[in-house]
Amino acid sequence: MGFMGFGMQSWVYKRCPRKPFSKRGRIPSFSPLPKYSRTIKIKSHVKESKYKYAFFYLIAFISLVFLMKTFTTTFTLYTNNHRRVLLENTKQKDIEAFNFLH
């Protein structure tokens, strides 16, 4: 009886049975906590942080473009070399098959 999840409230176990047809006072729902007072400080705005982040993002973007360029050039060189080797192999196999049929 009276379990609220966080413990018993005092009004639950201080209750007395009421007389029939009598007026009752209000049952307190909770005991209020003290008000929290916080202080607000005004901090100075630092404009340098914007420039630091902008510089960082610019450097990151330039390095990303440089890496993409190098990876795409190496990939295109690899694919061209692979295509050339496959074409030479198919030509060689075609010549061997033609010579076999003669």
C-alpha atoms as a PDB file:
ATOM      1  CA  MET A   1       0.000   0.000   0.000  1.00  0.00           C
ATOM      2  CA  GLY A   2       1.314   3.400  -0.936  1.00  0.00           C
ATOM      3  CA  PHE A   3       4.310   2.346  -3.013  1.00  0.00           C
ATOM      4  CA  MET A   4       5.163   5.229  -5.335  1.00  0.00           C
ATOM      5  CA  GLY A   5       8.308   3.796  -6.877  1.00  0.00           C
ATOM      6  CA  PHE A   6      10.701   6.114  -5.052  1.00  0.00           C
ATOM      7  CA  GLY A   7       9.674   5.399  -1.459  1.00  0.00           C
ATOM      8  CA  MET A   8       6.770   5.877   0.906  1.00  0.00           C
ATOM      9  CA  GLN A   9       5.286   9.312   1.315  1.00  0.00           C
ATOM     10  CA  SER A  10       4.475  10.397   4.834  1.00  0.00           C
ATOM     11  CA  TRP A  11       0.765  11.006   4.317  1.00  0.00           C
ATOM     12  CA  VAL A  12       0.250   7.358   3.341  1.00  0.00           C
ATOM     13  CA  TYR A  13       1.228   5.873   6.694  1.00  0.00           C
ATOM     14  CA  LYS A  14      -0.165   8.781   8.816  1.00  0.00           C
ATOM     15  CA  ARG A  15      -3.711   8.262   7.555  1.00  0.00           C
ATOM     16  CA  CYS A  16      -6.558   7.560   9.957  1.00  0.00           C
ATOM     17  CA  PRO A  17      -9.823   5.981   8.911  1.00  0.00           C
ATOM     18  CA  ARG A  18     -12.463   8.653   8.253  1.00  0.00           C
ATOM     19  CA  LYS A  19     -15.881   8.905   9.729  1.00  0.00           C
ATOM     20  CA  PRO A  20     -18.663   8.183   7.291  1.00  0.00           C
ATOM     21  CA  PHE A  21     -20.124  11.294   5.605  1.00  0.00           C
ATOM     22  CA  SER A  22     -17.496  13.605   7.056  1.00  0.00           C
ATOM     23  CA  LYS A  23     -15.646  16.294   5.177  1.00  0.00           C
ATOM     24  CA  ARG A  24     -11.997  15.653   4.613  1.00  0.00           C
ATOM     25  CA  GLY A  25      -9.087  17.922   3.984  1.00  0.00           C
ATOM     26  CA  ARG A  26      -6.995  17.679   0.886  1.00  0.00           C
ATOM     27  CA  ILE A  27      -4.354  14.988   0.767  1.00  0.00           C
ATOM     28  CA  PRO A  28      -0.997  16.482  -0.122  1.00  0.00           C
ATOM     29  CA  SER A  29       0.304  14.985  -3.337  1.00  0.00           C
ATOM     30  CA  PHE A  30       3.991  15.677  -2.704  1.00  0.00           C
ATOM     31  CA  SER A  31       6.336  17.686  -0.597  1.00  0.00           C
ATOM     32  CA  PRO A  32       7.867  20.424  -2.753  1.00  0.00           C
ATOM     33  CA  LEU A  33      11.597  20.578  -3.299  1.00  0.00           C
ATOM     34  CA  PRO A  34      13.487  23.803  -2.730  1.00  0.00           C
ATOM     35  CA  LYS A  35      13.726  26.061  -5.769  1.00  0.00           C
ATOM     36  CA  TYR A  36      16.889  25.736  -7.794  1.00  0.00           C
ATOM     37  CA  SER A  37      18.635  29.026  -8.307  1.00  0.00           C
ATOM     38  CA  ARG A  38      21.175  29.263 -11.038  1.00  0.00           C
ATOM     39  CA  THR A  39      23.446  32.084 -12.005  1.00  0.00           C
ATOM     40  CA  ILE A  40      23.842  33.167 -15.577  1.00  0.00           C
ATOM     41  CA  LYS A  41      27.225  34.357 -16.723  1.00  0.00           C
ATOM     42  CA  ILE A  42      27.746  36.286 -19.907  1.00  0.00           C
ATOM     43  CA  LYS A  43      30.757  34.955 -21.731  1.00  0.00           C
ATOM     44  CA  SER A  44      32.674  36.914 -24.305  1.00  0.00           C
ATOM     45  CA  HIS A  45      32.190  35.822 -27.876  1.00  0.00           C
ATOM     46  CA  VAL A  46      35.370  34.530 -29.460  1.00  0.00           C
ATOM     47  CA  LYS A  47      35.492  35.115 -33.197  1.00  0.00           C
ATOM     48  CA  GLU A  48      38.739  33.191 -33.630  1.00  0.00           C
ATOM     49  CA  SER A  49      37.000  29.850 -33.197  1.00  0.00           C
ATOM     50  CA  LYS A  50      35.045  30.386 -36.421  1.00  0.00           C
ATOM     51  CA  TYR A  51      38.242  31.006 -38.317  1.00  0.00           C
ATOM     52  CA  LYS A  52      39.934  27.993 -36.762  1.00  0.00           C
ATOM     53  CA  TYR A  53      37.100  25.706 -37.822  1.00  0.00           C
ATOM     54  CA  ALA A  54      36.917  27.252 -41.277  1.00  0.00           C
ATOM     55  CA  PHE A  55      40.656  26.755 -41.732  1.00  0.00           C
ATOM     56  CA  PHE A  56      40.395  23.163 -40.511  1.00  0.00           C
ATOM     57  CA  TYR A  57      37.530  22.403 -42.909  1.00  0.00           C
ATOM     58  CA  LEU A  58      39.407  24.034 -45.790  1.00  0.00           C
ATOM     59  CA  ILE A  59      42.518  21.934 -45.125  1.00  0.00           C
ATOM     60  CA  ALA A  60      40.389  18.779 -44.784  1.00  0.00           C
ATOM     61  CA  PHE A  61      38.580  19.540 -48.068  1.00  0.00           C
ATOM     62  CA  ILE A  62      41.822  20.190 -49.963  1.00  0.00           C
ATOM     63  CA  SER A  63      43.400  16.988 -48.636  1.00  0.00           C
ATOM     64  CA  LEU A  64      40.265  15.013 -49.530  1.00  0.00           C
ATOM     65  CA  VAL A  65      40.335  16.358 -53.097  1.00  0.00           C
ATOM     66  CA  PHE A  66      44.056  15.540 -53.368  1.00  0.00           C
ATOM     67  CA  LEU A  67      43.498  11.978 -52.126  1.00  0.00           C
ATOM     68  CA  MET A  68      40.563  11.456 -54.473  1.00  0.00           C
ATOM     69  CA  LYS A  69      42.641  12.688 -57.401  1.00  0.00           C
ATOM     70  CA  THR A  70      45.531  10.335 -56.621  1.00  0.00           C
ATOM     71  CA  PHE A  71      43.233   7.345 -56.067  1.00  0.00           C
ATOM     72  CA  THR A  72      41.321   7.984 -59.293  1.00  0.00           C
ATOM     73  CA  THR A  73      44.518   8.257 -61.339  1.00  0.00           C
ATOM     74  CA  THR A  74      45.909   5.012 -59.906  1.00  0.00           C
ATOM     75  CA  PHE A  75      42.549   3.311 -60.451  1.00  0.00           C
ATOM     76  CA  THR A  76      42.355   4.435 -64.087  1.00  0.00           C
ATOM     77  CA  LEU A  77      45.949   3.279 -64.695  1.00  0.00           C
ATOM     78  CA  TYR A  78      45.125  -0.102 -63.173  1.00  0.00           C
ATOM     79  CA  THR A  79      41.928  -0.541 -65.196  1.00  0.00           C
ATOM     80  CA  ASN A  80      43.644   0.472 -68.447  1.00  0.00           C
ATOM     81  CA  ASN A  81      46.506  -1.958 -67.791  1.00  0.00           C
ATOM     82  CA  HIS A  82      44.059  -4.733 -66.854  1.00  0.00           C
ATOM     83  CA  ARG A  83      41.984  -4.105 -69.992  1.00  0.00           C
ATOM     84  CA  ARG A  84      45.142  -4.196 -72.166  1.00  0.00           C
ATOM     85  CA  VAL A  85      46.267  -7.513 -70.629  1.00  0.00           C
ATOM     86  CA  LEU A  86      42.817  -9.065 -71.129  1.00  0.00           C
ATOM     87  CA  LEU A  87      42.736  -7.886 -74.750  1.00  0.00           C
ATOM     88  CA  GLU A  88      46.190  -9.387 -75.414  1.00  0.00           C
ATOM     89  CA  ASN A  89      45.117 -12.693 -73.805  1.00  0.00           C
ATOM     90  CA  THR A  90      41.953 -12.901 -75.900  1.00  0.00           C
ATOM     91  CA  LYS A  91      43.913 -12.117 -79.092  1.00  0.00           C
ATOM     92  CA  GLN A  92      46.467 -14.809 -78.226  1.00  0.00           C
ATOM     93  CA  LYS A  93      43.720 -17.361 -77.525  1.00  0.00           C
ATOM     94  CA  ASP A  94      41.965 -16.433 -80.786  1.00  0.00           C
ATOM     95  CA  ILE A  95      45.213 -16.963 -82.717  1.00  0.00           C
ATOM     96  CA  GLU A  96      45.794 -20.343 -81.009  1.00  0.00           C
ATOM     97  CA  ALA A  97      42.228 -21.442 -81.752  1.00  0.00           C
ATOM     98  CA  PHE A  98      42.531 -20.344 -85.389  1.00  0.00           C
ATOM     99  CA  ASN A  99      45.839 -22.199 -85.786  1.00  0.00           C
ATOM    100  CA  PHE A 100      44.322 -25.295 -84.186  1.00  0.00           C
ATOM    101  CA  LEU A 101      41.472 -25.330 -86.716  1.00  0.00           C
ATOM    102  CA  HIS A 102      43.852 -25.109 -89.721  1.00  0.00           C
END
